[in-house]
N, C-alpha and C. Protein backbone atom coordinates (compact mmCIF):
# COMPACT_ATOMS: atom_id res chain seq x y z
N UNK A 1 36.94 -93.51 -5.93
CA UNK A 1 35.82 -94.32 -5.48
C UNK A 1 34.56 -93.94 -6.25
N UNK A 2 33.71 -94.92 -6.44
CA UNK A 2 32.47 -94.65 -7.15
C UNK A 2 31.48 -93.94 -6.21
N UNK A 3 30.44 -93.41 -6.79
CA UNK A 3 29.42 -92.69 -6.02
C UNK A 3 28.72 -93.62 -5.03
N UNK A 4 28.48 -94.85 -5.44
CA UNK A 4 27.82 -95.82 -4.57
C UNK A 4 28.66 -96.11 -3.35
N UNK A 5 29.95 -96.29 -3.53
CA UNK A 5 30.86 -96.58 -2.42
C UNK A 5 30.89 -95.42 -1.42
N UNK A 6 30.92 -94.18 -1.93
CA UNK A 6 30.96 -93.04 -1.03
C UNK A 6 29.69 -92.92 -0.21
N UNK A 7 28.56 -93.18 -0.84
CA UNK A 7 27.28 -93.15 -0.12
C UNK A 7 27.23 -94.26 0.92
N UNK A 8 27.67 -95.46 0.55
CA UNK A 8 27.70 -96.58 1.49
C UNK A 8 28.58 -96.28 2.69
N UNK A 9 29.73 -95.69 2.46
CA UNK A 9 30.66 -95.37 3.55
C UNK A 9 30.05 -94.40 4.55
N UNK A 10 29.19 -93.52 4.07
CA UNK A 10 28.56 -92.54 4.96
C UNK A 10 27.61 -93.23 5.94
N UNK A 11 26.94 -94.30 5.51
CA UNK A 11 25.93 -94.96 6.34
C UNK A 11 26.47 -96.16 7.12
N UNK A 12 27.68 -96.57 6.84
CA UNK A 12 28.27 -97.69 7.58
C UNK A 12 28.60 -97.26 9.00
N UNK A 13 28.45 -98.20 9.94
CA UNK A 13 28.87 -97.94 11.31
C UNK A 13 30.39 -97.93 11.35
N UNK A 14 30.92 -97.13 12.25
CA UNK A 14 32.38 -96.99 12.34
C UNK A 14 33.04 -98.28 12.82
N UNK A 15 32.41 -98.93 13.81
CA UNK A 15 33.00 -100.13 14.39
C UNK A 15 31.91 -101.17 14.62
N UNK A 16 32.11 -102.37 14.09
CA UNK A 16 31.16 -103.46 14.29
C UNK A 16 31.91 -104.70 14.77
N UNK A 17 31.19 -105.55 15.47
CA UNK A 17 31.76 -106.80 15.95
C UNK A 17 31.92 -107.76 14.78
N UNK A 18 32.99 -108.53 14.79
CA UNK A 18 33.25 -109.51 13.74
C UNK A 18 32.43 -110.76 14.03
N UNK A 19 31.23 -110.83 13.47
CA UNK A 19 30.33 -111.96 13.69
C UNK A 19 30.64 -113.03 12.66
N UNK A 20 30.76 -114.29 13.12
CA UNK A 20 31.04 -115.42 12.24
C UNK A 20 29.99 -116.50 12.45
N UNK A 21 29.85 -117.37 11.49
CA UNK A 21 28.95 -118.52 11.64
C UNK A 21 29.44 -119.38 12.79
N UNK A 22 28.49 -119.86 13.59
CA UNK A 22 28.84 -120.69 14.74
C UNK A 22 28.94 -119.91 16.03
N UNK A 23 28.85 -118.58 15.97
CA UNK A 23 28.88 -117.76 17.19
C UNK A 23 27.52 -117.78 17.86
N UNK A 24 27.51 -117.79 19.18
CA UNK A 24 26.29 -117.54 19.94
C UNK A 24 26.31 -116.07 20.29
N UNK A 25 25.27 -115.35 19.90
CA UNK A 25 25.27 -113.90 20.07
C UNK A 25 24.01 -113.41 20.77
N UNK A 26 24.12 -112.20 21.35
CA UNK A 26 22.98 -111.46 21.86
C UNK A 26 22.87 -110.20 21.00
N UNK A 27 21.74 -110.03 20.35
CA UNK A 27 21.53 -108.87 19.49
C UNK A 27 20.57 -107.92 20.20
N UNK A 28 21.02 -106.69 20.48
CA UNK A 28 20.20 -105.66 21.12
C UNK A 28 19.58 -104.84 20.01
N UNK A 29 18.25 -104.97 19.88
CA UNK A 29 17.55 -104.33 18.77
C UNK A 29 16.55 -103.32 19.32
N UNK A 30 16.47 -102.15 18.67
CA UNK A 30 15.50 -101.13 19.06
C UNK A 30 14.16 -101.47 18.41
N UNK A 31 13.11 -101.53 19.23
CA UNK A 31 11.76 -101.86 18.75
C UNK A 31 10.86 -100.66 19.02
N UNK A 32 10.09 -100.25 18.01
CA UNK A 32 9.12 -99.17 18.17
C UNK A 32 7.73 -99.79 18.12
N UNK A 33 6.96 -99.53 19.19
CA UNK A 33 5.57 -99.99 19.25
C UNK A 33 4.70 -98.78 19.54
N UNK A 34 3.99 -98.33 18.55
CA UNK A 34 3.21 -97.11 18.72
C UNK A 34 4.14 -95.93 18.90
N UNK A 35 3.99 -95.22 20.01
CA UNK A 35 4.86 -94.09 20.30
C UNK A 35 5.99 -94.44 21.23
N UNK A 36 6.07 -95.71 21.64
CA UNK A 36 7.09 -96.11 22.61
C UNK A 36 8.24 -96.82 21.93
N UNK A 37 9.41 -96.72 22.55
CA UNK A 37 10.59 -97.43 22.07
C UNK A 37 11.13 -98.27 23.21
N UNK A 38 11.61 -99.46 22.88
CA UNK A 38 12.24 -100.32 23.88
C UNK A 38 13.35 -101.10 23.21
N UNK A 39 14.17 -101.76 24.03
CA UNK A 39 15.27 -102.56 23.51
C UNK A 39 14.94 -104.02 23.75
N UNK A 40 15.00 -104.81 22.68
CA UNK A 40 14.73 -106.24 22.77
C UNK A 40 16.02 -106.99 22.48
N UNK A 41 16.28 -108.01 23.29
CA UNK A 41 17.50 -108.81 23.12
C UNK A 41 17.10 -110.16 22.56
N UNK A 42 17.71 -110.53 21.44
CA UNK A 42 17.48 -111.83 20.81
C UNK A 42 18.79 -112.61 20.88
N UNK A 43 18.77 -113.74 21.55
CA UNK A 43 19.98 -114.53 21.74
C UNK A 43 19.84 -115.85 20.99
N UNK A 44 20.88 -116.20 20.23
CA UNK A 44 20.84 -117.45 19.48
C UNK A 44 22.15 -117.72 18.76
N UNK A 45 22.11 -118.69 17.86
CA UNK A 45 23.28 -119.15 17.11
C UNK A 45 23.28 -118.52 15.73
N UNK A 46 24.41 -117.97 15.33
CA UNK A 46 24.55 -117.41 13.98
C UNK A 46 24.72 -118.58 13.02
N UNK A 47 23.76 -118.74 12.10
CA UNK A 47 23.84 -119.86 11.16
C UNK A 47 24.27 -119.41 9.77
N UNK A 48 24.34 -118.10 9.56
CA UNK A 48 24.74 -117.63 8.23
C UNK A 48 25.22 -116.19 8.31
N UNK A 49 26.24 -115.88 7.54
CA UNK A 49 26.69 -114.50 7.37
C UNK A 49 26.82 -114.24 5.87
N UNK A 50 26.65 -113.00 5.48
CA UNK A 50 26.73 -112.70 4.05
C UNK A 50 27.20 -111.29 3.79
N UNK A 51 27.85 -111.09 2.64
CA UNK A 51 28.30 -109.79 2.16
C UNK A 51 29.05 -109.01 3.24
N UNK A 52 30.09 -109.60 3.77
CA UNK A 52 30.78 -109.09 4.95
C UNK A 52 31.30 -107.66 4.85
N UNK A 53 31.81 -107.25 3.71
CA UNK A 53 32.41 -105.91 3.62
C UNK A 53 31.43 -104.86 3.09
N UNK A 54 30.21 -105.24 2.85
CA UNK A 54 29.23 -104.34 2.25
C UNK A 54 28.38 -103.63 3.30
N UNK A 55 27.70 -102.58 2.87
CA UNK A 55 26.73 -101.91 3.72
C UNK A 55 25.56 -102.84 4.03
N UNK A 56 25.26 -103.74 3.13
CA UNK A 56 24.14 -104.68 3.29
C UNK A 56 24.60 -106.00 3.92
N UNK A 57 25.65 -105.96 4.71
CA UNK A 57 26.16 -107.14 5.39
C UNK A 57 25.10 -107.67 6.37
N UNK A 58 24.82 -108.97 6.27
CA UNK A 58 23.76 -109.57 7.10
C UNK A 58 24.28 -110.77 7.85
N UNK A 59 23.53 -111.15 8.88
CA UNK A 59 23.76 -112.41 9.58
C UNK A 59 22.41 -112.92 10.06
N UNK A 60 22.26 -114.24 10.08
CA UNK A 60 21.01 -114.86 10.49
C UNK A 60 21.23 -115.56 11.82
N UNK A 61 20.36 -115.28 12.78
CA UNK A 61 20.44 -115.86 14.12
C UNK A 61 19.27 -116.79 14.32
N UNK A 62 19.55 -117.98 14.85
CA UNK A 62 18.51 -118.99 15.08
C UNK A 62 18.48 -119.35 16.54
N UNK A 63 17.27 -119.50 17.07
CA UNK A 63 17.09 -120.02 18.41
C UNK A 63 15.81 -120.82 18.45
N UNK A 64 15.71 -121.71 19.42
CA UNK A 64 14.50 -122.50 19.60
C UNK A 64 13.76 -121.91 20.78
N UNK A 65 12.55 -121.43 20.55
CA UNK A 65 11.72 -120.83 21.59
C UNK A 65 10.43 -121.63 21.69
N UNK A 66 10.19 -122.21 22.85
CA UNK A 66 8.98 -123.02 23.11
C UNK A 66 8.84 -124.15 22.11
N UNK A 67 9.95 -124.77 21.74
CA UNK A 67 9.93 -125.90 20.83
C UNK A 67 9.82 -125.54 19.36
N UNK A 68 9.81 -124.25 19.05
CA UNK A 68 9.69 -123.79 17.68
C UNK A 68 10.97 -123.05 17.30
N UNK A 69 11.55 -123.39 16.16
CA UNK A 69 12.75 -122.70 15.69
C UNK A 69 12.40 -121.33 15.13
N UNK A 70 13.09 -120.31 15.62
CA UNK A 70 12.86 -118.93 15.18
C UNK A 70 14.16 -118.41 14.60
N UNK A 71 14.10 -117.85 13.39
CA UNK A 71 15.28 -117.28 12.75
C UNK A 71 15.01 -115.83 12.41
N UNK A 72 16.00 -114.99 12.70
CA UNK A 72 15.90 -113.58 12.34
C UNK A 72 17.16 -113.20 11.59
N UNK A 73 16.99 -112.44 10.53
CA UNK A 73 18.12 -111.94 9.75
C UNK A 73 18.28 -110.45 10.04
N UNK A 74 19.48 -110.06 10.40
CA UNK A 74 19.77 -108.68 10.76
C UNK A 74 20.77 -108.07 9.79
N UNK A 75 20.62 -106.78 9.55
CA UNK A 75 21.63 -106.00 8.84
C UNK A 75 22.60 -105.47 9.90
N UNK A 76 23.88 -105.73 9.74
CA UNK A 76 24.86 -105.32 10.73
C UNK A 76 24.89 -103.80 10.87
N UNK A 77 24.76 -103.06 9.79
CA UNK A 77 24.89 -101.61 9.81
C UNK A 77 23.55 -100.89 10.01
N UNK A 78 22.51 -101.63 10.37
CA UNK A 78 21.20 -101.02 10.60
C UNK A 78 21.23 -100.12 11.83
N UNK A 79 20.59 -98.96 11.78
CA UNK A 79 20.54 -98.09 12.97
C UNK A 79 19.69 -98.68 14.09
N UNK A 80 18.85 -99.67 13.78
CA UNK A 80 18.03 -100.31 14.81
C UNK A 80 18.80 -101.34 15.62
N UNK A 81 19.95 -101.76 15.15
CA UNK A 81 20.79 -102.69 15.90
C UNK A 81 21.73 -101.85 16.76
N UNK A 82 21.51 -101.88 18.07
CA UNK A 82 22.31 -101.06 18.97
C UNK A 82 23.61 -101.74 19.36
N UNK A 83 23.56 -103.06 19.60
CA UNK A 83 24.76 -103.74 20.05
C UNK A 83 24.67 -105.22 19.70
N UNK A 84 25.82 -105.80 19.40
CA UNK A 84 25.91 -107.25 19.16
C UNK A 84 26.99 -107.77 20.10
N UNK A 85 26.60 -108.70 20.98
CA UNK A 85 27.55 -109.30 21.92
C UNK A 85 27.79 -110.74 21.53
N UNK A 86 29.04 -111.14 21.42
CA UNK A 86 29.37 -112.54 21.16
C UNK A 86 29.53 -113.23 22.50
N UNK A 87 28.70 -114.25 22.74
CA UNK A 87 28.70 -114.97 24.01
C UNK A 87 29.63 -116.17 23.94
N UNK A 88 29.61 -116.88 22.80
CA UNK A 88 30.39 -118.10 22.65
C UNK A 88 30.82 -118.24 21.19
N UNK A 89 32.00 -118.78 20.98
CA UNK A 89 32.47 -119.09 19.63
C UNK A 89 32.57 -120.59 19.50
N UNK A 90 32.15 -121.12 18.37
CA UNK A 90 32.20 -122.56 18.12
C UNK A 90 33.03 -122.85 16.88
N UNK A 91 33.56 -124.06 16.84
CA UNK A 91 34.35 -124.48 15.69
C UNK A 91 33.41 -124.98 14.60
N UNK A 92 33.43 -124.30 13.46
CA UNK A 92 32.61 -124.71 12.31
C UNK A 92 33.48 -124.65 11.06
N UNK A 93 33.07 -125.42 10.05
CA UNK A 93 33.83 -125.44 8.80
C UNK A 93 33.02 -124.95 7.62
N UNK A 94 31.88 -124.35 7.91
CA UNK A 94 31.02 -123.84 6.84
C UNK A 94 30.56 -122.42 7.17
N UNK A 95 30.04 -121.74 6.17
CA UNK A 95 29.46 -120.42 6.39
C UNK A 95 27.97 -120.53 6.65
N UNK A 96 27.31 -121.51 6.03
CA UNK A 96 25.87 -121.66 6.15
C UNK A 96 25.57 -122.96 6.88
N UNK A 97 25.10 -122.85 8.10
CA UNK A 97 24.87 -124.02 8.95
C UNK A 97 23.41 -124.47 8.88
N UNK A 98 22.94 -124.78 7.66
CA UNK A 98 21.54 -125.17 7.49
C UNK A 98 21.21 -126.48 8.18
N UNK A 99 22.21 -127.34 8.39
CA UNK A 99 21.97 -128.63 9.02
C UNK A 99 21.55 -128.47 10.49
N UNK A 100 21.78 -127.32 11.09
CA UNK A 100 21.41 -127.09 12.49
C UNK A 100 19.89 -127.07 12.68
N UNK A 101 19.15 -126.84 11.60
CA UNK A 101 17.68 -126.81 11.69
C UNK A 101 17.12 -128.18 12.05
N UNK A 102 17.78 -129.23 11.62
CA UNK A 102 17.29 -130.59 11.85
C UNK A 102 17.71 -131.14 13.20
N UNK A 103 18.73 -130.54 13.81
CA UNK A 103 19.30 -131.08 15.04
C UNK A 103 18.62 -130.50 16.28
N UNK A 104 18.46 -131.35 17.30
CA UNK A 104 17.91 -130.90 18.57
C UNK A 104 18.69 -131.56 19.70
N UNK A 105 18.59 -131.00 20.88
CA UNK A 105 19.19 -131.61 22.06
C UNK A 105 20.70 -131.66 22.00
N UNK A 106 21.25 -132.83 22.42
CA UNK A 106 22.70 -132.99 22.48
C UNK A 106 23.36 -132.88 21.12
N UNK A 107 22.69 -133.37 20.10
CA UNK A 107 23.30 -133.36 18.76
C UNK A 107 23.45 -131.94 18.22
N UNK A 108 22.71 -130.98 18.79
CA UNK A 108 22.79 -129.59 18.32
C UNK A 108 23.91 -128.83 19.01
N UNK A 109 24.61 -129.47 19.94
CA UNK A 109 25.72 -128.79 20.62
C UNK A 109 26.91 -128.69 19.70
N UNK A 110 27.66 -127.61 19.86
CA UNK A 110 28.84 -127.41 19.03
C UNK A 110 30.05 -127.25 19.95
N UNK A 111 31.19 -127.68 19.46
CA UNK A 111 32.43 -127.59 20.25
C UNK A 111 32.85 -126.14 20.37
N UNK A 112 33.02 -125.68 21.60
CA UNK A 112 33.41 -124.30 21.85
C UNK A 112 34.88 -124.07 21.58
N UNK A 113 35.23 -122.85 21.26
CA UNK A 113 36.61 -122.45 21.00
C UNK A 113 36.94 -121.35 22.00
N UNK A 114 38.14 -121.40 22.58
CA UNK A 114 38.56 -120.34 23.49
C UNK A 114 38.78 -119.05 22.71
N UNK A 115 38.29 -117.95 23.27
CA UNK A 115 38.52 -116.65 22.65
C UNK A 115 38.43 -115.59 23.73
N UNK A 116 39.00 -114.44 23.45
CA UNK A 116 39.01 -113.34 24.40
C UNK A 116 37.70 -112.56 24.25
N UNK A 117 36.76 -112.85 25.14
CA UNK A 117 35.42 -112.28 25.05
C UNK A 117 35.44 -110.75 25.16
N UNK A 118 36.26 -110.21 26.07
CA UNK A 118 36.31 -108.76 26.26
C UNK A 118 36.88 -108.06 25.03
N UNK A 119 37.92 -108.65 24.44
CA UNK A 119 38.55 -108.02 23.27
C UNK A 119 37.62 -108.04 22.06
N UNK A 120 36.87 -109.12 21.88
CA UNK A 120 35.97 -109.23 20.74
C UNK A 120 34.80 -108.27 20.89
N UNK A 121 34.26 -108.16 22.10
CA UNK A 121 33.08 -107.32 22.33
C UNK A 121 33.43 -105.88 22.69
N UNK A 122 34.71 -105.52 22.66
CA UNK A 122 35.14 -104.17 23.06
C UNK A 122 34.93 -103.12 21.99
N UNK A 123 34.23 -103.45 20.93
CA UNK A 123 33.96 -102.48 19.87
C UNK A 123 33.04 -101.40 20.45
N UNK A 124 33.46 -100.15 20.33
CA UNK A 124 32.70 -99.04 20.90
C UNK A 124 32.12 -98.20 19.77
N UNK A 125 30.81 -98.14 19.73
CA UNK A 125 30.12 -97.28 18.78
C UNK A 125 29.43 -96.19 19.59
N UNK A 126 30.03 -95.01 19.64
CA UNK A 126 29.55 -93.93 20.50
C UNK A 126 28.11 -93.54 20.17
N UNK A 127 27.77 -93.50 18.89
CA UNK A 127 26.43 -93.09 18.49
C UNK A 127 25.38 -94.05 19.04
N UNK A 128 25.61 -95.36 18.87
CA UNK A 128 24.65 -96.36 19.34
C UNK A 128 24.56 -96.35 20.85
N UNK A 129 25.69 -96.23 21.54
CA UNK A 129 25.67 -96.21 23.00
C UNK A 129 24.99 -94.94 23.52
N UNK A 130 25.20 -93.81 22.85
CA UNK A 130 24.55 -92.57 23.25
C UNK A 130 23.04 -92.69 23.08
N UNK A 131 22.62 -93.32 21.99
CA UNK A 131 21.19 -93.51 21.76
C UNK A 131 20.59 -94.45 22.79
N UNK A 132 21.30 -95.52 23.12
CA UNK A 132 20.82 -96.45 24.15
C UNK A 132 20.72 -95.75 25.50
N UNK A 133 21.69 -94.92 25.84
CA UNK A 133 21.66 -94.17 27.09
C UNK A 133 20.50 -93.18 27.09
N UNK A 134 20.25 -92.54 25.94
CA UNK A 134 19.15 -91.59 25.83
C UNK A 134 17.81 -92.29 26.05
N UNK A 135 17.63 -93.47 25.46
CA UNK A 135 16.40 -94.23 25.66
C UNK A 135 16.23 -94.60 27.13
N UNK A 136 17.33 -94.98 27.76
CA UNK A 136 17.28 -95.35 29.17
C UNK A 136 16.90 -94.15 30.04
N UNK A 137 17.50 -92.98 29.75
CA UNK A 137 17.18 -91.76 30.50
C UNK A 137 15.73 -91.35 30.30
N UNK A 138 15.22 -91.48 29.07
CA UNK A 138 13.83 -91.14 28.80
C UNK A 138 12.89 -92.04 29.59
N UNK A 139 13.23 -93.33 29.66
CA UNK A 139 12.40 -94.26 30.43
C UNK A 139 12.41 -93.90 31.91
N UNK A 140 13.60 -93.53 32.43
CA UNK A 140 13.69 -93.13 33.84
C UNK A 140 12.90 -91.85 34.09
N UNK A 141 13.02 -90.87 33.19
CA UNK A 141 12.30 -89.61 33.35
C UNK A 141 10.79 -89.85 33.31
N UNK A 142 10.36 -90.70 32.41
CA UNK A 142 8.94 -91.02 32.31
C UNK A 142 8.45 -91.68 33.59
N UNK A 143 9.28 -92.57 34.12
CA UNK A 143 8.94 -93.24 35.37
C UNK A 143 8.86 -92.22 36.51
N UNK A 144 9.80 -91.25 36.55
CA UNK A 144 9.79 -90.21 37.59
C UNK A 144 8.55 -89.34 37.49
N UNK A 145 8.14 -88.99 36.28
CA UNK A 145 6.95 -88.17 36.08
C UNK A 145 5.72 -88.92 36.57
N UNK A 146 5.64 -90.21 36.22
CA UNK A 146 4.49 -91.01 36.66
C UNK A 146 4.47 -91.14 38.18
N UNK A 147 5.64 -91.30 38.81
CA UNK A 147 5.71 -91.40 40.26
C UNK A 147 5.29 -90.09 40.91
N UNK A 148 5.66 -88.96 40.33
CA UNK A 148 5.27 -87.65 40.86
C UNK A 148 3.76 -87.46 40.76
N UNK A 149 3.17 -87.88 39.63
CA UNK A 149 1.71 -87.78 39.48
C UNK A 149 1.00 -88.63 40.52
N UNK A 150 1.51 -89.84 40.74
CA UNK A 150 0.91 -90.72 41.74
C UNK A 150 1.02 -90.10 43.13
N UNK A 151 2.15 -89.47 43.44
CA UNK A 151 2.34 -88.83 44.75
C UNK A 151 1.37 -87.67 44.92
N UNK A 152 1.15 -86.85 43.86
CA UNK A 152 0.20 -85.75 43.93
C UNK A 152 -1.21 -86.26 44.19
N UNK A 153 -1.60 -87.30 43.45
CA UNK A 153 -2.94 -87.87 43.62
C UNK A 153 -3.12 -88.42 45.02
N UNK A 154 -2.09 -89.07 45.54
CA UNK A 154 -2.16 -89.62 46.89
C UNK A 154 -2.29 -88.50 47.91
N UNK A 155 -1.55 -87.40 47.71
CA UNK A 155 -1.63 -86.26 48.63
C UNK A 155 -3.03 -85.64 48.59
N UNK A 156 -3.63 -85.52 47.40
CA UNK A 156 -5.00 -84.98 47.28
C UNK A 156 -5.99 -85.87 48.02
N UNK A 157 -5.85 -87.19 47.85
CA UNK A 157 -6.75 -88.12 48.53
C UNK A 157 -6.60 -88.02 50.04
N UNK A 158 -5.36 -87.88 50.51
CA UNK A 158 -5.14 -87.73 51.95
C UNK A 158 -5.74 -86.43 52.47
N UNK A 159 -5.60 -85.35 51.69
CA UNK A 159 -6.18 -84.07 52.10
C UNK A 159 -7.70 -84.17 52.17
N UNK A 160 -8.32 -84.83 51.20
CA UNK A 160 -9.78 -85.03 51.22
C UNK A 160 -10.18 -85.85 52.43
N UNK A 161 -9.41 -86.89 52.73
CA UNK A 161 -9.72 -87.73 53.88
C UNK A 161 -9.60 -86.93 55.18
N UNK A 162 -8.56 -86.08 55.28
CA UNK A 162 -8.38 -85.25 56.47
C UNK A 162 -9.54 -84.26 56.62
N UNK A 163 -9.96 -83.67 55.51
CA UNK A 163 -11.08 -82.72 55.54
C UNK A 163 -12.37 -83.41 55.95
N UNK A 164 -12.61 -84.57 55.43
CA UNK A 164 -13.81 -85.32 55.79
C UNK A 164 -13.77 -85.72 57.27
N UNK A 165 -12.61 -86.11 57.76
CA UNK A 165 -12.47 -86.47 59.17
C UNK A 165 -12.71 -85.26 60.07
N UNK A 166 -12.15 -84.10 59.71
CA UNK A 166 -12.35 -82.88 60.50
C UNK A 166 -13.82 -82.48 60.51
N UNK A 167 -14.47 -82.60 59.36
CA UNK A 167 -15.89 -82.27 59.26
C UNK A 167 -16.72 -83.20 60.14
N UNK A 168 -16.37 -84.48 60.10
CA UNK A 168 -17.08 -85.48 60.90
C UNK A 168 -16.89 -85.21 62.39
N UNK A 169 -15.66 -84.84 62.80
CA UNK A 169 -15.38 -84.55 64.21
C UNK A 169 -16.13 -83.30 64.66
N UNK A 170 -16.17 -82.30 63.81
CA UNK A 170 -16.90 -81.06 64.16
C UNK A 170 -18.38 -81.35 64.31
N UNK A 171 -18.91 -82.18 63.45
CA UNK A 171 -20.33 -82.55 63.51
C UNK A 171 -20.60 -83.34 64.78
N UNK A 172 -19.68 -84.25 65.15
CA UNK A 172 -19.85 -85.06 66.36
C UNK A 172 -19.78 -84.19 67.61
N UNK A 173 -18.95 -83.18 67.64
CA UNK A 173 -18.84 -82.27 68.78
C UNK A 173 -20.08 -81.39 68.90
N UNK A 174 -20.67 -81.01 67.79
CA UNK A 174 -21.85 -80.14 67.80
C UNK A 174 -23.10 -80.89 68.24
N UNK A 175 -23.23 -82.16 67.98
CA UNK A 175 -24.42 -82.94 68.32
C UNK A 175 -24.67 -82.99 69.83
N UNK A 176 -23.69 -83.26 70.71
CA UNK A 176 -23.98 -83.27 72.15
C UNK A 176 -24.44 -81.91 72.65
N UNK A 177 -23.96 -80.79 72.09
CA UNK A 177 -24.38 -79.48 72.52
C UNK A 177 -25.83 -79.24 72.16
N UNK A 178 -26.26 -79.72 70.98
CA UNK A 178 -27.64 -79.56 70.56
C UNK A 178 -28.56 -80.36 71.45
N UNK A 179 -28.16 -81.53 71.88
CA UNK A 179 -28.96 -82.38 72.75
C UNK A 179 -29.14 -81.70 74.11
N UNK A 180 -28.09 -81.06 74.64
CA UNK A 180 -28.15 -80.36 75.94
C UNK A 180 -29.06 -79.17 75.85
N UNK A 181 -29.09 -78.43 74.73
CA UNK A 181 -29.95 -77.28 74.57
C UNK A 181 -31.43 -77.67 74.56
N UNK A 182 -31.78 -78.82 74.02
CA UNK A 182 -33.16 -79.27 73.97
C UNK A 182 -33.66 -79.64 75.35
N UNK A 183 -32.81 -80.15 76.22
CA UNK A 183 -33.21 -80.56 77.58
C UNK A 183 -33.41 -79.36 78.40
């Protein structure tokens, strides 16, 4: 094998879903915004696939959002792509479905094909799933820390309120005694 092939093999994911043109997919993508990470799901129709056996294997997903067509091209072996779920398979006779851009409504529907959804989506990538679980645990831990801080602040406020109430009651009890002493 050439040096390029060996390097490519090192960065390829062990198991990927067989995405084809005409599939309706959900792509789980890791998004970094500032110091935070979250998972964004983009659902749409695969209108193009390319370089299937390569490290640079791509697929383009199209969806209509608020009346505007949005297309995203993903690298299958990218570490930012955590999971690809195939929701529906359609019968198509081309690799590049550019004509779908012009179609809307009923004319944009495609004939579905029966397929075993569990078997197709059963590809297990331990690294990606471990990373997704880690992100989920971090979010839960962060939420727990924030809840603990809120509980501490609430307890401090309650203690201040109790102290103020006790002070007010002591002052109210002392006032009638002072009035009796003056008489």
